[in-house]
């Protein structure tokens, strides 16, 4: 019986030693390895600089070189890369007070330099379903996932015009367009 008590005592003693050692190790490890941790975040900020919004009423058929022009610049004034989209918003395209579309009402977006000298064509289309515009749409996405690094800026020229077809364009009479970028 005494031998059983000795073994039990030894087992309890070993268990206590292991528990104390484990707790001490965990405590000192936690105390020893904890360091100051700093979390930094950047600033995401884009600045949109523009002239006036496009507003055209009763426009006449013409070619692109005589189009209404809207110039704007997007500048990354933050500290992170900025991903942005270019869209027409708050669109009102009507004829006789009703929402409409037009295959002949065209637009073209060009990259430009800081002096707004026309550069590369970004995208062009019309206010029709073939370009993705549906009558009554309030927003029309032109280009997605454009990227600007911190302190970079990109200038653009937007042209809007009613394309001359060389034929009677009665379907285009009385169009009214207003939108923002």
C-alpha atoms as a PDB file:
ATOM      1  CA  UNK A   1       0.000   0.000   0.000  1.00  0.00           C
ATOM      2  CA  UNK A   2       2.840   2.298   0.842  1.00  0.00           C
ATOM      3  CA  UNK A   3       4.241   1.752  -2.634  1.00  0.00           C
ATOM      4  CA  UNK A   4       0.914   2.829  -4.189  1.00  0.00           C
ATOM      5  CA  UNK A   5       0.907   5.994  -2.088  1.00  0.00           C
ATOM      6  CA  UNK A   6       4.467   6.778  -3.174  1.00  0.00           C
ATOM      7  CA  UNK A   7       3.552   6.373  -6.835  1.00  0.00           C
ATOM      8  CA  UNK A   8       0.425   8.516  -6.403  1.00  0.00           C
ATOM      9  CA  UNK A   9       2.442  11.169  -4.567  1.00  0.00           C
ATOM     10  CA  UNK A  10       5.054  11.117  -7.317  1.00  0.00           C
ATOM     11  CA  UNK A  11       2.405  11.444 -10.050  1.00  0.00           C
ATOM     12  CA  UNK A  12       0.723  14.377  -8.253  1.00  0.00           C
ATOM     13  CA  UNK A  13       4.085  16.041  -7.705  1.00  0.00           C
ATOM     14  CA  UNK A  14       5.061  15.672 -11.387  1.00  0.00           C
ATOM     15  CA  UNK A  15       1.654  17.034 -12.431  1.00  0.00           C
ATOM     16  CA  UNK A  16       2.023  20.070 -10.156  1.00  0.00           C
ATOM     17  CA  UNK A  17       5.545  20.732 -11.439  1.00  0.00           C
ATOM     18  CA  UNK A  18       4.340  20.507 -15.069  1.00  0.00           C
ATOM     19  CA  UNK A  19       1.398  22.836 -14.440  1.00  0.00           C
ATOM     20  CA  UNK A  20       3.566  25.424 -12.638  1.00  0.00           C
ATOM     21  CA  UNK A  21       6.226  25.215 -15.351  1.00  0.00           C
ATOM     22  CA  UNK A  22       3.641  25.581 -18.128  1.00  0.00           C
ATOM     23  CA  UNK A  23       1.945  28.576 -16.512  1.00  0.00           C
ATOM     24  CA  UNK A  24       5.278  30.262 -15.756  1.00  0.00           C
ATOM     25  CA  UNK A  25       6.493  29.675 -19.309  1.00  0.00           C
ATOM     26  CA  UNK A  26       3.275  31.089 -20.799  1.00  0.00           C
ATOM     27  CA  UNK A  27       3.421  34.134 -18.521  1.00  0.00           C
ATOM     28  CA  UNK A  28       7.051  34.938 -19.177  1.00  0.00           C
ATOM     29  CA  UNK A  29       6.735  34.212 -22.889  1.00  0.00           C
ATOM     30  CA  UNK A  30       3.786  36.588 -23.169  1.00  0.00           C
ATOM     31  CA  UNK A  31       5.623  39.242 -21.199  1.00  0.00           C
ATOM     32  CA  UNK A  32       8.849  38.757 -23.070  1.00  0.00           C
ATOM     33  CA  UNK A  33       7.529  38.759 -26.647  1.00  0.00           C
ATOM     34  CA  UNK A  34       4.929  41.500 -26.523  1.00  0.00           C
ATOM     35  CA  UNK A  35       6.119  44.568 -28.402  1.00  0.00           C
ATOM     36  CA  UNK A  36       4.526  47.850 -29.304  1.00  0.00           C
ATOM     37  CA  UNK A  37       2.453  47.450 -32.448  1.00  0.00           C
ATOM     38  CA  UNK A  38       1.709  50.403 -34.691  1.00  0.00           C
ATOM     39  CA  UNK A  39      -1.061  50.358 -37.290  1.00  0.00           C
ATOM     40  CA  UNK A  40      -0.801  52.990 -39.992  1.00  0.00           C
ATOM     41  CA  UNK A  41      -3.372  53.835 -42.597  1.00  0.00           C
ATOM     42  CA  UNK A  42      -3.248  56.172 -45.543  1.00  0.00           C
ATOM     43  CA  UNK A  43      -5.608  58.771 -46.871  1.00  0.00           C
ATOM     44  CA  UNK A  44      -7.740  58.106 -49.935  1.00  0.00           C
ATOM     45  CA  UNK A  45      -8.677  61.439 -51.481  1.00  0.00           C
ATOM     46  CA  UNK A  46      -9.464  62.432 -55.071  1.00  0.00           C
ATOM     47  CA  UNK A  47     -10.016  66.003 -56.201  1.00  0.00           C
ATOM     48  CA  UNK A  48     -12.225  66.619 -59.227  1.00  0.00           C
ATOM     49  CA  UNK A  49     -11.653  69.988 -60.905  1.00  0.00           C
ATOM     50  CA  UNK A  50     -13.999  71.088 -63.653  1.00  0.00           C
ATOM     51  CA  UNK A  51     -15.568  73.946 -65.513  1.00  0.00           C
ATOM     52  CA  UNK A  52     -19.315  73.900 -65.976  1.00  0.00           C
ATOM     53  CA  UNK A  53     -21.542  70.867 -66.341  1.00  0.00           C
ATOM     54  CA  UNK A  54     -22.734  69.969 -69.828  1.00  0.00           C
ATOM     55  CA  UNK A  55     -26.151  71.357 -70.660  1.00  0.00           C
ATOM     56  CA  UNK A  56     -27.343  71.319 -74.270  1.00  0.00           C
ATOM     57  CA  UNK A  57     -30.803  72.165 -75.572  1.00  0.00           C
ATOM     58  CA  UNK A  58     -31.964  72.052 -79.202  1.00  0.00           C
ATOM     59  CA  UNK A  59     -28.497  71.262 -80.520  1.00  0.00           C
ATOM     60  CA  UNK A  60     -28.038  71.045 -84.274  1.00  0.00           C
ATOM     61  CA  UNK A  61     -26.324  68.257 -86.247  1.00  0.00           C
ATOM     62  CA  UNK A  62     -22.572  68.711 -86.619  1.00  0.00           C
ATOM     63  CA  UNK A  63     -19.283  66.807 -86.666  1.00  0.00           C
ATOM     64  CA  UNK A  64     -17.064  65.957 -83.683  1.00  0.00           C
ATOM     65  CA  UNK A  65     -14.704  68.869 -84.300  1.00  0.00           C
ATOM     66  CA  UNK A  66     -17.616  71.268 -83.557  1.00  0.00           C
ATOM     67  CA  UNK A  67     -18.797  69.407 -80.463  1.00  0.00           C
ATOM     68  CA  UNK A  68     -19.575  70.891 -77.053  1.00  0.00           C
ATOM     69  CA  UNK A  69     -16.477  70.411 -74.898  1.00  0.00           C
ATOM     70  CA  UNK A  70     -16.202  69.711 -71.184  1.00  0.00           C
ATOM     71  CA  UNK A  71     -12.720  69.679 -69.587  1.00  0.00           C
ATOM     72  CA  UNK A  72     -11.932  68.182 -66.192  1.00  0.00           C
ATOM     73  CA  UNK A  73      -9.036  66.912 -64.100  1.00  0.00           C
ATOM     74  CA  UNK A  74      -8.884  64.165 -61.477  1.00  0.00           C
ATOM     75  CA  UNK A  75      -6.048  64.517 -58.951  1.00  0.00           C
ATOM     76  CA  UNK A  76      -4.996  62.078 -56.228  1.00  0.00           C
ATOM     77  CA  UNK A  77      -4.422  64.332 -53.223  1.00  0.00           C
ATOM     78  CA  UNK A  78      -4.236  61.387 -50.830  1.00  0.00           C
ATOM     79  CA  UNK A  79      -1.459  58.998 -49.824  1.00  0.00           C
ATOM     80  CA  UNK A  80      -2.845  55.771 -51.354  1.00  0.00           C
ATOM     81  CA  UNK A  81      -3.329  54.614 -54.938  1.00  0.00           C
ATOM     82  CA  UNK A  82      -6.816  55.674 -56.001  1.00  0.00           C
ATOM     83  CA  UNK A  83      -9.104  53.576 -58.186  1.00  0.00           C
ATOM     84  CA  UNK A  84     -11.927  55.557 -59.762  1.00  0.00           C
ATOM     85  CA  UNK A  85     -14.638  55.338 -62.411  1.00  0.00           C
ATOM     86  CA  UNK A  86     -15.769  57.916 -64.933  1.00  0.00           C
ATOM     87  CA  UNK A  87     -19.543  58.128 -65.348  1.00  0.00           C
ATOM     88  CA  UNK A  88     -22.269  60.422 -66.597  1.00  0.00           C
ATOM     89  CA  UNK A  89     -24.676  61.018 -63.706  1.00  0.00           C
ATOM     90  CA  UNK A  90     -27.965  62.837 -63.178  1.00  0.00           C
ATOM     91  CA  UNK A  91     -28.702  62.330 -66.872  1.00  0.00           C
ATOM     92  CA  UNK A  92     -31.788  63.898 -68.349  1.00  0.00           C
ATOM     93  CA  UNK A  93     -32.214  63.085 -72.043  1.00  0.00           C
ATOM     94  CA  UNK A  94     -35.715  63.998 -73.183  1.00  0.00           C
ATOM     95  CA  UNK A  95     -37.747  64.778 -76.246  1.00  0.00           C
ATOM     96  CA  UNK A  96     -41.077  66.532 -75.746  1.00  0.00           C
ATOM     97  CA  UNK A  97     -40.756  65.952 -71.994  1.00  0.00           C
ATOM     98  CA  UNK A  98     -40.365  62.159 -72.319  1.00  0.00           C
ATOM     99  CA  UNK A  99     -37.232  60.090 -71.599  1.00  0.00           C
ATOM    100  CA  UNK A 100     -35.593  59.036 -74.832  1.00  0.00           C
ATOM    101  CA  UNK A 101     -32.351  57.811 -76.431  1.00  0.00           C
ATOM    102  CA  UNK A 102     -30.490  58.775 -79.585  1.00  0.00           C
ATOM    103  CA  UNK A 103     -28.175  56.863 -81.900  1.00  0.00           C
ATOM    104  CA  UNK A 104     -26.957  60.194 -83.286  1.00  0.00           C
ATOM    105  CA  UNK A 105     -26.237  61.955 -79.972  1.00  0.00           C
ATOM    106  CA  UNK A 106     -22.555  61.084 -79.628  1.00  0.00           C
ATOM    107  CA  UNK A 107     -19.844  61.481 -77.000  1.00  0.00           C
ATOM    108  CA  UNK A 108     -16.098  60.921 -76.919  1.00  0.00           C
ATOM    109  CA  UNK A 109     -13.769  60.992 -73.898  1.00  0.00           C
ATOM    110  CA  UNK A 110     -10.088  61.817 -74.493  1.00  0.00           C
ATOM    111  CA  UNK A 111      -7.106  61.943 -72.177  1.00  0.00           C
ATOM    112  CA  UNK A 112      -5.496  65.384 -72.190  1.00  0.00           C
ATOM    113  CA  UNK A 113      -2.407  67.101 -70.866  1.00  0.00           C
ATOM    114  CA  UNK A 114      -2.502  69.844 -68.200  1.00  0.00           C
ATOM    115  CA  UNK A 115      -3.216  72.456 -70.888  1.00  0.00           C
ATOM    116  CA  UNK A 116      -6.106  70.331 -72.192  1.00  0.00           C
ATOM    117  CA  UNK A 117      -4.459  69.429 -75.477  1.00  0.00           C
ATOM    118  CA  UNK A 118      -6.363  66.413 -76.771  1.00  0.00           C
ATOM    119  CA  UNK A 119      -4.596  63.072 -76.412  1.00  0.00           C
ATOM    120  CA  UNK A 120      -5.600  59.422 -76.622  1.00  0.00           C
ATOM    121  CA  UNK A 121      -9.231  58.406 -77.039  1.00  0.00           C
ATOM    122  CA  UNK A 122     -10.421  56.679 -73.837  1.00  0.00           C
ATOM    123  CA  UNK A 123     -13.858  55.680 -75.101  1.00  0.00           C
ATOM    124  CA  UNK A 124     -16.632  56.908 -77.378  1.00  0.00           C
ATOM    125  CA  UNK A 125     -20.256  56.049 -77.988  1.00  0.00           C
ATOM    126  CA  UNK A 126     -23.779  57.368 -78.219  1.00  0.00           C
ATOM    127  CA  UNK A 127     -26.822  57.700 -75.996  1.00  0.00           C
ATOM    128  CA  UNK A 128     -28.289  54.470 -77.355  1.00  0.00           C
ATOM    129  CA  UNK A 129     -28.584  50.844 -76.326  1.00  0.00           C
ATOM    130  CA  UNK A 130     -25.742  49.896 -78.696  1.00  0.00           C
ATOM    131  CA  UNK A 131     -23.419  51.865 -76.371  1.00  0.00           C
ATOM    132  CA  UNK A 132     -25.087  50.603 -73.198  1.00  0.00           C
ATOM    133  CA  UNK A 133     -27.380  53.581 -72.518  1.00  0.00           C
ATOM    134  CA  UNK A 134     -31.040  52.859 -71.907  1.00  0.00           C
ATOM    135  CA  UNK A 135     -33.755  55.484 -72.042  1.00  0.00           C
ATOM    136  CA  UNK A 136     -34.286  56.895 -68.549  1.00  0.00           C
ATOM    137  CA  UNK A 137     -30.910  55.778 -67.151  1.00  0.00           C
ATOM    138  CA  UNK A 138     -29.735  58.116 -64.385  1.00  0.00           C
ATOM    139  CA  UNK A 139     -26.113  56.903 -64.570  1.00  0.00           C
ATOM    140  CA  UNK A 140     -24.015  55.789 -67.538  1.00  0.00           C
ATOM    141  CA  UNK A 141     -20.608  54.281 -66.688  1.00  0.00           C
ATOM    142  CA  UNK A 142     -17.940  55.231 -69.226  1.00  0.00           C
ATOM    143  CA  UNK A 143     -14.708  53.769 -67.849  1.00  0.00           C
ATOM    144  CA  UNK A 144     -14.007  51.725 -64.700  1.00  0.00           C
ATOM    145  CA  UNK A 145     -10.993  51.002 -62.522  1.00  0.00           C
ATOM    146  CA  UNK A 146      -8.855  53.960 -63.544  1.00  0.00           C
ATOM    147  CA  UNK A 147      -5.796  54.189 -61.244  1.00  0.00           C
ATOM    148  CA  UNK A 148      -3.903  57.238 -59.980  1.00  0.00           C
ATOM    149  CA  UNK A 149      -0.845  57.083 -57.735  1.00  0.00           C
ATOM    150  CA  UNK A 150      -0.498  59.659 -54.934  1.00  0.00           C
ATOM    151  CA  UNK A 151       0.205  63.193 -56.244  1.00  0.00           C
ATOM    152  CA  UNK A 152      -0.682  62.189 -59.841  1.00  0.00           C
ATOM    153  CA  UNK A 153      -3.392  63.852 -61.860  1.00  0.00           C
ATOM    154  CA  UNK A 154      -5.078  63.120 -65.157  1.00  0.00           C
ATOM    155  CA  UNK A 155      -6.934  65.593 -67.358  1.00  0.00           C
ATOM    156  CA  UNK A 156      -9.735  64.721 -69.762  1.00  0.00           C
ATOM    157  CA  UNK A 157     -11.764  66.269 -72.543  1.00  0.00           C
ATOM    158  CA  UNK A 158     -15.351  65.162 -73.063  1.00  0.00           C
ATOM    159  CA  UNK A 159     -17.030  66.022 -76.365  1.00  0.00           C
ATOM    160  CA  UNK A 160     -20.790  65.754 -76.930  1.00  0.00           C
ATOM    161  CA  UNK A 161     -22.472  66.410 -80.277  1.00  0.00           C
ATOM    162  CA  UNK A 162     -25.407  65.489 -82.489  1.00  0.00           C
ATOM    163  CA  UNK A 163     -23.838  63.660 -85.421  1.00  0.00           C
ATOM    164  CA  UNK A 164     -24.655  64.998 -88.879  1.00  0.00           C
ATOM    165  CA  UNK A 165     -25.928  62.068 -90.964  1.00  0.00           C
ATOM    166  CA  UNK A 166     -26.474  63.842 -94.297  1.00  0.00           C
ATOM    167  CA  UNK A 167     -30.159  62.850 -94.139  1.00  0.00           C
ATOM    168  CA  UNK A 168     -33.246  64.285 -92.528  1.00  0.00           C
ATOM    169  CA  UNK A 169     -32.883  63.921 -88.762  1.00  0.00           C
ATOM    170  CA  UNK A 170     -36.442  64.599 -87.650  1.00  0.00           C
ATOM    171  CA  UNK A 171     -36.142  61.923 -84.932  1.00  0.00           C
ATOM    172  CA  UNK A 172     -33.460  64.091 -83.300  1.00  0.00           C
ATOM    173  CA  UNK A 173     -35.443  67.344 -83.285  1.00  0.00           C
ATOM    174  CA  UNK A 174     -36.296  68.694 -79.856  1.00  0.00           C
ATOM    175  CA  UNK A 175     -33.716  66.672 -77.902  1.00  0.00           C
ATOM    176  CA  UNK A 176     -32.677  68.099 -74.535  1.00  0.00           C
ATOM    177  CA  UNK A 177     -29.644  66.775 -72.640  1.00  0.00           C
ATOM    178  CA  UNK A 178     -28.358  67.645 -69.163  1.00  0.00           C
ATOM    179  CA  UNK A 179     -25.846  65.602 -67.141  1.00  0.00           C
ATOM    180  CA  UNK A 180     -22.920  65.754 -64.765  1.00  0.00           C
ATOM    181  CA  UNK A 181     -19.681  63.800 -64.553  1.00  0.00           C
END
